[in-house]
Protein backbone atom coordinates (compact mmCIF):
# COMPACT_ATOMS: atom_id res chain seq x y z
CA MET A 1 -128.58 106.69 -43.19
CA ARG A 2 -130.74 105.88 -45.46
CA PRO A 3 -130.78 107.52 -49.84
CA GLY A 4 -131.66 111.48 -50.47
CA PRO A 5 -134.46 111.45 -52.58
CA LYS A 6 -132.28 111.17 -55.57
CA ASN A 7 -129.75 109.14 -54.56
CA ARG A 8 -127.43 111.30 -56.54
CA LEU A 9 -124.30 114.11 -55.41
CA THR A 10 -127.17 116.49 -56.21
CA ASP A 11 -128.95 115.88 -53.55
CA VAL A 12 -126.39 118.27 -51.55
CA ALA A 13 -127.74 121.36 -52.08
CA GLY A 14 -125.93 123.37 -53.94
CA LEU A 15 -124.38 121.56 -56.37
CA THR A 16 -125.18 120.38 -60.08
CA VAL A 17 -124.02 117.64 -62.44
CA GLY A 18 -123.32 118.44 -66.37
CA ASN A 19 -121.86 115.55 -68.98
CA ALA A 20 -120.78 115.33 -72.12
CA THR A 21 -120.91 111.95 -74.28
CA ASP A 22 -118.95 111.45 -77.72
CA HIS A 23 -119.96 108.03 -78.12
CA VAL A 24 -117.37 107.71 -80.89
CA LEU A 25 -114.16 109.23 -79.36
CA ARG A 26 -115.13 106.65 -76.46
CA SER A 27 -114.92 109.45 -73.74
CA GLY A 28 -116.40 112.53 -72.50
CA VAL A 29 -116.47 115.10 -69.29
CA THR A 30 -118.19 115.11 -66.25
CA VAL A 31 -118.59 119.28 -64.21
CA VAL A 32 -119.81 119.43 -60.93
CA LEU A 33 -121.25 122.97 -61.07
CA CYS A 34 -120.94 124.77 -57.51
CA GLU A 35 -123.99 127.28 -57.76
CA GLU A 36 -121.79 129.08 -54.73
CA PRO A 37 -117.76 128.93 -54.51
CA ALA A 38 -118.39 125.96 -52.42
CA THR A 39 -115.07 124.64 -49.94
CA ALA A 40 -112.50 123.17 -51.57
CA ALA A 41 -110.52 119.85 -50.98
CA VAL A 42 -108.20 116.45 -52.44
CA GLN A 43 -106.22 113.23 -51.56
CA VAL A 44 -104.57 111.14 -54.21
CA LEU A 45 -104.02 107.64 -53.36
CA GLY A 46 -103.42 106.35 -56.21
CA GLY A 47 -99.70 105.95 -58.22
CA ALA A 48 -100.73 107.97 -61.43
CA PRO A 49 -102.33 110.81 -61.29
CA GLY A 50 -103.60 113.77 -63.84
CA THR A 51 -104.38 116.59 -62.54
CA ARG A 52 -105.07 120.44 -62.55
CA GLU A 53 -104.97 122.96 -59.70
CA THR A 54 -104.99 120.72 -57.19
CA ASP A 55 -102.46 122.14 -55.05
CA LEU A 56 -105.00 125.41 -54.13
CA LEU A 57 -107.20 123.32 -52.10
CA GLU A 58 -104.54 122.70 -49.59
CA PRO A 59 -105.29 123.70 -46.58
CA HIS A 60 -102.46 125.51 -45.81
CA ASN A 61 -102.99 127.40 -49.12
CA THR A 62 -104.56 131.00 -49.86
CA VAL A 63 -108.14 130.22 -52.10
CA GLU A 64 -110.64 128.89 -50.13
CA ALA A 65 -113.14 128.00 -52.30
CA VAL A 66 -113.65 126.35 -56.04
CA ASP A 67 -116.65 127.17 -58.62
CA ALA A 68 -116.64 123.92 -59.93
CA LEU A 69 -114.96 120.54 -60.09
CA VAL A 70 -113.89 118.29 -63.51
CA LEU A 71 -113.26 114.50 -64.30
CA SER A 72 -112.75 113.40 -67.25
CA GLY A 73 -111.51 110.39 -69.88
CA GLY A 74 -109.00 111.24 -71.53
CA SER A 75 -105.61 110.99 -69.80
CA ALA A 76 -103.74 114.69 -69.61
CA PHE A 77 -105.37 115.48 -72.68
CA GLY A 78 -108.77 116.09 -70.93
CA LEU A 79 -107.19 118.15 -68.88
CA ASP A 80 -107.91 120.49 -71.57
CA ALA A 81 -112.03 119.93 -70.10
CA ALA A 82 -111.34 122.52 -67.73
CA SER A 83 -110.32 125.42 -69.86
CA GLY A 84 -113.82 125.41 -71.34
CA VAL A 85 -116.17 124.89 -68.11
CA GLN A 86 -113.31 128.41 -67.08
CA ALA A 87 -114.47 129.68 -70.08
CA GLY A 88 -118.22 129.07 -69.53
CA LEU A 89 -117.35 130.21 -65.70
CA ARG A 90 -116.14 133.30 -67.05
CA GLU A 91 -119.02 134.34 -69.68
CA ARG A 92 -121.69 134.35 -66.55
CA GLY A 93 -119.32 136.02 -64.11
CA ARG A 94 -118.18 133.46 -61.29
CA GLY A 95 -114.59 133.31 -59.83
CA PHE A 96 -112.28 134.43 -57.50
CA ALA A 97 -111.81 138.05 -57.48
CA VAL A 98 -107.93 139.38 -58.02
CA GLY A 99 -108.94 143.40 -58.20
CA PRO A 100 -110.37 144.02 -61.89
CA HIS A 101 -111.03 140.37 -62.32
CA ARG A 102 -112.35 137.05 -61.86
CA VAL A 103 -110.65 133.79 -62.30
CA PRO A 104 -112.85 130.84 -61.93
CA ILE A 105 -111.03 128.61 -60.29
CA VAL A 106 -111.60 124.76 -61.34
CA PRO A 107 -110.04 121.53 -60.22
CA ALA A 108 -109.83 119.09 -62.28
CA ALA A 109 -109.00 115.32 -62.56
CA ILE A 110 -108.10 112.49 -65.59
CA LEU A 111 -108.81 108.65 -65.96
CA PHE A 112 -106.41 106.75 -69.03
CA ASP A 113 -108.72 105.76 -71.28
CA LEU A 114 -106.48 106.36 -75.08
CA MET A 115 -106.94 102.93 -75.75
CA ASN A 116 -110.61 101.90 -75.61
CA GLY A 117 -111.79 101.07 -79.42
CA GLY A 118 -111.96 105.42 -79.57
CA ALA A 119 -111.12 107.34 -82.14
CA LYS A 120 -109.08 109.79 -80.53
CA ASP A 121 -107.50 111.33 -84.63
CA TRP A 122 -108.88 114.10 -83.21
CA GLY A 123 -105.79 116.62 -85.35
CA ARG A 124 -104.07 119.23 -83.52
CA TYR A 125 -106.02 120.10 -80.27
CA PRO A 126 -107.63 117.27 -78.87
CA PRO A 127 -111.79 118.06 -78.82
CA TYR A 128 -111.94 118.90 -74.35
CA ARG A 129 -111.67 121.86 -74.46
CA GLU A 130 -115.57 122.17 -75.87
CA LEU A 131 -116.65 118.73 -74.00
CA GLY A 132 -115.42 120.62 -70.34
CA HIS A 133 -117.99 123.91 -71.96
CA ALA A 134 -120.80 121.32 -73.32
CA ALA A 135 -120.80 119.83 -70.39
CA LEU A 136 -121.87 122.96 -67.87
CA ALA A 137 -124.34 123.56 -70.13
CA GLU A 138 -125.98 120.75 -69.18
CA ALA A 139 -126.13 120.90 -65.89
CA THR A 140 -128.46 119.89 -63.63
CA ALA A 141 -130.40 117.94 -60.43
CA ASP A 142 -131.33 115.25 -62.45
CA PHE A 143 -128.16 113.88 -64.43
CA ALA A 144 -127.46 110.21 -66.34
CA THR A 145 -124.69 107.70 -65.13
CA GLY A 146 -122.97 104.61 -66.62
CA SER A 147 -121.78 105.17 -70.26
CA VAL A 148 -121.85 109.17 -70.34
CA GLY A 149 -119.57 112.10 -69.07
CA ALA A 150 -116.19 110.91 -67.99
CA GLY A 151 -117.78 107.06 -66.98
CA THR A 152 -118.19 106.57 -71.15
CA GLY A 153 -115.07 104.33 -71.87
CA ALA A 154 -114.22 103.46 -68.75
CA LEU A 155 -112.97 100.44 -68.08
CA THR A 156 -112.28 97.72 -65.20
CA ALA A 157 -110.83 94.29 -65.26
CA THR A 158 -114.16 92.18 -65.32
CA CYS A 159 -116.13 94.58 -67.54
CA LYS A 160 -117.35 97.80 -68.04
CA GLY A 161 -116.74 100.74 -65.92
CA GLY A 162 -119.34 104.08 -65.87
CA LEU A 163 -120.29 107.07 -63.68
CA GLY A 164 -121.67 106.13 -60.38
CA THR A 165 -123.58 108.17 -58.13
CA ALA A 166 -125.06 107.80 -54.29
CA SER A 167 -126.34 109.96 -51.17
CA SER A 168 -126.80 109.33 -47.90
CA VAL A 169 -128.61 111.27 -44.86
CA VAL A 170 -127.21 110.88 -41.28
CA GLU A 171 -129.41 110.79 -38.76
CA GLY A 172 -128.10 114.02 -37.91
CA GLY A 173 -129.71 115.94 -40.72
CA PHE A 174 -126.49 116.37 -43.11
CA THR A 175 -126.61 115.26 -46.56
CA ILE A 176 -123.43 113.85 -48.70
CA GLY A 177 -123.43 112.98 -51.66
CA ALA A 178 -121.01 110.91 -54.29
CA LEU A 179 -120.04 110.58 -58.02
CA VAL A 180 -117.58 108.22 -59.86
CA ALA A 181 -115.84 107.92 -62.85
CA VAL A 182 -114.74 103.49 -62.51
CA ASN A 183 -111.89 103.37 -64.07
CA ALA A 184 -110.04 101.10 -62.23
CA LEU A 185 -107.49 98.47 -62.86
CA GLY A 186 -108.73 95.80 -60.38
CA SER A 187 -112.35 94.88 -60.60
CA ALA A 188 -116.04 95.89 -58.72
CA THR A 189 -117.35 92.22 -58.64
CA ILE A 190 -115.94 88.95 -56.08
CA GLY A 191 -114.20 86.74 -58.62
CA ASP A 192 -115.76 85.68 -61.59
CA THR A 193 -119.56 86.51 -59.90
CA ARG A 194 -121.55 89.10 -60.92
CA HIS A 195 -121.55 90.14 -57.23
CA PHE A 196 -120.45 93.79 -55.93
CA TRP A 197 -117.36 93.92 -53.60
CA ALA A 198 -119.65 97.26 -52.04
CA ALA A 199 -122.34 94.46 -51.69
CA PRO A 200 -122.88 94.61 -48.04
CA PHE A 201 -123.18 99.45 -48.57
CA GLU A 202 -126.33 98.57 -51.17
CA GLU A 203 -129.49 100.29 -51.06
CA ALA A 204 -132.99 99.36 -52.06
CA ASP A 205 -131.59 96.88 -54.34
CA GLU A 206 -129.61 99.69 -56.01
CA PHE A 207 -126.94 97.86 -57.36
CA GLY A 208 -128.76 95.13 -58.28
CA GLY A 209 -129.47 93.54 -54.68
CA LEU A 210 -127.19 90.14 -55.29
CA GLY A 211 -125.76 90.56 -51.90
CA LEU A 212 -122.72 88.13 -51.83
CA PRO A 213 -121.94 84.71 -52.91
CA PHE A 214 -122.96 81.98 -51.27
CA PRO A 215 -120.66 80.00 -50.95
CA PHE A 216 -117.55 82.37 -50.47
CA PRO A 217 -115.59 81.54 -54.30
CA ALA A 218 -112.44 80.51 -53.54
CA ASP A 219 -110.20 82.47 -55.52
CA ALA A 220 -112.08 85.39 -54.86
CA ARG A 221 -109.09 87.08 -53.10
CA THR A 222 -106.93 86.65 -56.10
CA PRO A 223 -106.75 90.15 -57.59
CA ARG A 224 -108.21 90.51 -61.29
CA THR A 225 -106.51 93.68 -62.88
CA LYS A 226 -106.16 94.40 -66.20
CA LEU A 227 -103.13 93.41 -66.35
CA SER A 228 -104.78 90.43 -67.63
CA ARG A 229 -105.87 91.76 -70.75
CA ARG A 230 -102.28 94.14 -71.97
CA PRO A 231 -99.43 94.06 -69.94
CA THR A 232 -98.72 97.34 -69.83
CA GLY A 233 -101.95 97.59 -68.04
CA THR A 234 -101.74 101.87 -67.84
CA GLU A 235 -105.45 102.63 -68.82
CA ASN A 236 -106.63 102.83 -65.82
CA THR A 237 -108.02 105.44 -62.54
CA THR A 238 -110.76 105.74 -60.34
CA ILE A 239 -111.60 109.45 -59.62
CA ALA A 240 -114.64 110.98 -57.71
CA VAL A 241 -116.10 113.63 -55.65
CA ILE A 242 -117.39 113.89 -52.15
CA ALA A 243 -119.59 116.63 -51.10
CA THR A 244 -121.81 117.51 -48.18
CA ASP A 245 -123.35 120.83 -46.85
CA ALA A 246 -121.99 120.32 -43.44
CA VAL A 247 -120.24 123.27 -42.69
CA LEU A 248 -116.39 121.71 -43.46
CA THR A 249 -112.81 123.45 -43.30
CA LYS A 250 -110.30 123.15 -46.23
CA ALA A 251 -108.72 120.57 -43.34
CA GLU A 252 -112.41 119.29 -42.84
CA ALA A 253 -112.69 118.67 -46.59
CA LYS A 254 -109.68 116.96 -47.18
CA ARG A 255 -110.42 114.86 -44.15
CA LEU A 256 -113.63 113.26 -45.62
CA ALA A 257 -112.37 113.16 -48.32
CA ILE A 258 -108.74 110.55 -47.44
CA ALA A 259 -112.11 108.93 -46.00
CA ALA A 260 -114.08 108.18 -48.81
CA HIS A 261 -111.18 106.51 -50.70
CA ASP A 262 -112.44 103.66 -48.37
CA GLY A 263 -115.63 103.24 -50.11
CA PHE A 264 -112.80 103.00 -52.91
CA ALA A 265 -111.13 100.06 -51.04
CA ARG A 266 -114.49 98.79 -49.88
CA ALA A 267 -115.60 98.59 -54.13
CA LEU A 268 -112.49 97.42 -55.83
CA TRP A 269 -110.35 94.63 -55.54
CA PRO A 270 -107.24 95.74 -55.76
CA ALA A 271 -107.21 99.77 -55.33
CA HIS A 272 -105.36 102.76 -55.49
CA THR A 273 -102.09 100.79 -57.82
CA PRO A 274 -99.19 101.94 -58.78
CA LEU A 275 -100.92 102.43 -62.10
CA ASP A 276 -103.99 103.87 -60.40
CA GLY A 277 -104.51 107.37 -60.19
CA ASP A 278 -107.20 107.39 -57.96
CA LEU A 279 -108.71 110.66 -57.01
CA VAL A 280 -110.96 111.67 -54.04
CA PHE A 281 -112.42 115.65 -54.11
CA ALA A 282 -114.42 116.93 -51.67
CA LEU A 283 -116.76 119.63 -51.08
CA SER A 284 -118.82 121.41 -48.39
CA THR A 285 -121.37 124.01 -49.32
CA GLY A 286 -122.05 124.85 -46.40
CA ARG A 287 -125.81 125.07 -47.27
CA SER A 288 -127.63 123.07 -43.61
CA GLY A 289 -126.03 126.10 -42.55
CA ARG A 290 -124.71 123.67 -39.62
CA ARG A 291 -121.28 122.27 -38.34
CA PRO A 292 -120.70 118.89 -37.53
CA ALA A 293 -119.96 118.47 -33.84
CA PRO A 294 -116.76 115.68 -33.42
CA GLU A 295 -118.31 112.92 -32.64
CA ASP A 296 -120.55 113.69 -35.87
CA PHE A 297 -117.98 113.98 -38.07
CA ILE A 298 -116.58 110.48 -37.21
CA THR A 299 -120.74 109.53 -38.69
CA LEU A 300 -119.81 111.73 -42.04
CA CYS A 301 -116.11 109.75 -42.55
CA ALA A 302 -117.88 106.92 -42.32
CA THR A 303 -120.88 107.72 -44.36
CA ALA A 304 -118.46 109.12 -46.86
CA ALA A 305 -117.01 105.42 -47.64
CA ALA A 306 -120.06 103.01 -47.71
CA THR A 307 -121.40 106.64 -50.11
CA MET A 308 -118.56 105.97 -51.68
CA ALA A 309 -118.15 102.69 -52.50
CA ARG A 310 -122.26 102.78 -53.18
CA ALA A 311 -121.54 105.01 -55.88
CA ILE A 312 -118.62 102.91 -57.24
CA ALA A 313 -121.20 99.85 -57.61
CA ARG A 314 -123.73 101.60 -59.59
CA GLY A 315 -121.34 103.04 -62.02
CA VAL A 316 -120.40 99.94 -63.00
CA HIS A 317 -124.14 98.00 -62.74
CA ASP A 318 -125.01 101.71 -65.07
CA ALA A 319 -122.73 100.56 -68.00
CA THR A 320 -124.78 100.24 -70.87
CA PRO A 321 -123.69 97.82 -73.65
CA MET A 322 -122.38 99.65 -77.54
CA PRO A 323 -121.69 97.91 -81.01
CA GLY A 324 -117.37 97.55 -80.99
CA ASP A 325 -116.96 97.36 -76.68
CA MET A 326 -114.40 95.77 -75.56
CA LEU A 327 -115.41 94.14 -72.80
CA PRO A 328 -119.15 93.80 -71.69
CA SER A 329 -121.05 95.80 -69.40
CA TRP A 330 -122.26 94.64 -66.29
CA ALA A 331 -125.92 93.58 -67.12
CA LEU A 332 -124.42 91.20 -69.67
CA ARG A 333 -121.82 89.23 -67.65
């Protein structure tokens, strides 16, 4: 296993990513655009999710593929971002054919960043629809990470969160890519150190090269959460996309999403809490033209977890300091 050429989700052929960022709002939107409709699924393991169009992703439901996926800040207000993406796709003639009409299929998930110090006095309608449209227009193979897009106002228990990505090419030639907006209730770093829980999976010092701490902190197993800063602890959720160029069914894509959640557990402590809306979308572009054999699919699932763990650490590592930050970025800890 090795990183792809860009070490980004877009190493998976057929995908581009766009960000729209509002630093006054301290929020934003990230869009994953499928060049062609891609097989998709979802797995939610957090206790407080916010979603749009996720029921259709279940293997027993009719629609097989999606045109785009949206990750957004803004809590439930951020679900408007999918409307902006849908409008942009309709302008391009994209969508599921229903008689003479085309309906773009755009599932979405949100994280809670309303209490991060940004200006949320937007009036009657929130700005996320326009941010979604703008993010779609910026979709490209090369995209920024850290304090951008859905990761703009993200926080963890100990430092700023952010938008992270990583990719892997497995021995059989399939590519796996991950994209994640890290806004966890818990922490991506071990105890009071700067060392990442995801350290065993790091490739080429991509998030600092610190490895695991030695000696291991005696209190590392004590969960560090946002509850220590604010009793409600509701401003959370890590939302992600795992993608591959392997040809998968919807059921197999769902299994890949389930496996990618293991990356949450490897990179965040604690993860999947009742106050997180932790969610993973899975995409199969099928651009490899090959279906994985059973043993290859097991490797894909394991690689999905490792790649997701790396993407989470990179999202925190790449966050940048800004005036008025409630928490320091990892670089300033």
